[in-house]
Amino acid sequence: MGYGIEADHILKMHEGRPNIADAIKNKEIQLVINTPVGKLAATDDSYIRKTAIKYAVPYITTVAAEKAAAHGISDRRKGRGEVFSLQDYHKNL
């Protein structure tokens, strides 16, 4: 992934174990980026979102939000700690 952020692919529940719900419960995941597509998306999205909320893990569902988060994480790591709303971020693109 870009911006110096490590990311790994992980199984969804219907794909077997260990899966994303297991990893969230085990505190192995600090951020969920889930851009649902396809027939199983509604089911997958629901359990992933509910598990992330239950265990207080940030949850992102759009590419625009992912990009904003990646820029924010990168800037924070570089010592630039300004906070902008997503609307202000897009206004400055």
Protein backbone atom coordinates (compact mmCIF):
# COMPACT_ATOMS: atom_id res chain seq x y z
CA MET A 1 0.00 0.00 0.00
CA GLY A 2 1.11 3.61 -0.35
CA TYR A 3 2.26 6.28 2.07
CA GLY A 4 4.43 3.87 4.07
CA ILE A 5 1.45 2.10 5.62
CA GLU A 6 1.76 -1.66 5.89
CA ALA A 7 -1.33 -3.66 4.95
CA ASP A 8 -2.13 -7.33 4.60
CA HIS A 9 -4.97 -9.18 2.89
CA ILE A 10 -7.20 -11.12 5.30
CA LEU A 11 -9.99 -13.67 4.84
CA LYS A 12 -13.64 -12.76 5.19
CA MET A 13 -15.80 -15.00 7.39
CA HIS A 14 -17.15 -17.11 4.52
CA GLU A 15 -13.59 -17.73 3.31
CA GLY A 16 -12.42 -19.57 6.43
CA ARG A 17 -10.30 -18.92 9.49
CA PRO A 18 -8.48 -17.03 10.77
CA ASN A 19 -10.64 -14.25 9.35
CA ILE A 20 -11.10 -10.54 9.83
CA ALA A 21 -13.49 -10.92 12.78
CA ASP A 22 -10.90 -13.08 14.56
CA ALA A 23 -8.15 -10.54 13.88
CA ILE A 24 -10.26 -7.61 15.08
CA LYS A 25 -11.16 -9.47 18.30
CA ASN A 26 -7.48 -10.38 18.83
CA LYS A 27 -6.42 -6.72 18.40
CA GLU A 28 -4.33 -7.58 15.34
CA ILE A 29 -6.05 -4.89 13.25
CA GLN A 30 -5.85 -1.15 13.95
CA LEU A 31 -7.80 0.09 10.90
CA VAL A 32 -10.36 -1.54 8.59
CA ILE A 33 -10.65 -0.36 4.99
CA ASN A 34 -13.58 -2.19 3.43
CA THR A 35 -14.90 -1.13 0.02
CA PRO A 36 -17.73 -3.64 -0.48
CA VAL A 37 -18.43 -4.98 -3.99
CA GLY A 38 -20.41 -7.97 -5.19
CA LYS A 39 -23.21 -10.29 -4.03
CA LEU A 40 -21.81 -11.05 -0.60
CA ALA A 41 -20.95 -7.41 0.09
CA ALA A 42 -24.01 -6.63 2.22
CA THR A 43 -23.45 -9.61 4.51
CA ASP A 44 -19.68 -9.15 4.68
CA ASP A 45 -20.00 -5.41 5.24
CA SER A 46 -22.45 -5.91 8.10
CA TYR A 47 -20.40 -8.33 10.21
CA ILE A 48 -17.13 -6.49 9.54
CA ARG A 49 -18.65 -3.13 10.48
CA LYS A 50 -20.36 -4.52 13.62
CA THR A 51 -17.18 -6.23 14.80
CA ALA A 52 -15.08 -3.11 14.16
CA ILE A 53 -17.55 -0.96 16.10
CA LYS A 54 -17.75 -3.45 18.97
CA TYR A 55 -13.96 -3.45 19.37
CA ALA A 56 -13.49 0.31 18.65
CA VAL A 57 -11.49 -0.17 15.43
CA PRO A 58 -11.73 2.69 12.89
CA TYR A 59 -13.73 1.61 9.83
CA ILE A 60 -13.47 3.20 6.35
CA THR A 61 -15.76 2.32 3.43
CA THR A 62 -14.74 4.59 0.55
CA VAL A 63 -11.59 5.15 -1.46
CA ALA A 64 -11.88 8.92 -0.83
CA ALA A 65 -11.93 8.36 2.94
CA GLU A 66 -9.05 5.89 2.67
CA LYS A 67 -6.95 8.43 0.79
CA ALA A 68 -7.76 11.15 3.33
CA ALA A 69 -6.86 8.81 6.21
CA ALA A 70 -3.61 7.74 4.51
CA HIS A 71 -2.61 11.38 4.00
CA GLY A 72 -3.50 12.17 7.61
CA ILE A 73 -1.53 9.22 8.98
CA SER A 74 1.44 10.10 6.81
CA ASP A 75 1.37 13.77 7.86
CA ARG A 76 1.02 12.82 11.52
CA ARG A 77 4.09 10.58 11.25
CA LYS A 78 5.98 13.53 9.77
CA GLY A 79 5.00 15.76 12.71
CA ARG A 80 2.35 17.72 10.87
CA GLY A 81 -0.61 17.48 13.20
CA GLU A 82 -3.18 19.81 11.66
CA VAL A 83 -6.71 18.43 11.58
CA PHE A 84 -9.12 19.20 8.76
CA SER A 85 -12.64 18.00 8.08
CA LEU A 86 -13.05 15.75 5.05
CA GLN A 87 -14.89 18.60 3.33
CA ASP A 88 -11.96 20.99 3.88
CA TYR A 89 -9.55 18.32 2.69
CA HIS A 90 -11.42 17.90 -0.62
CA LYS A 91 -11.75 21.66 -1.05
CA ASN A 92 -7.96 21.92 -1.06
CA LEU A 93 -7.31 19.16 -3.64
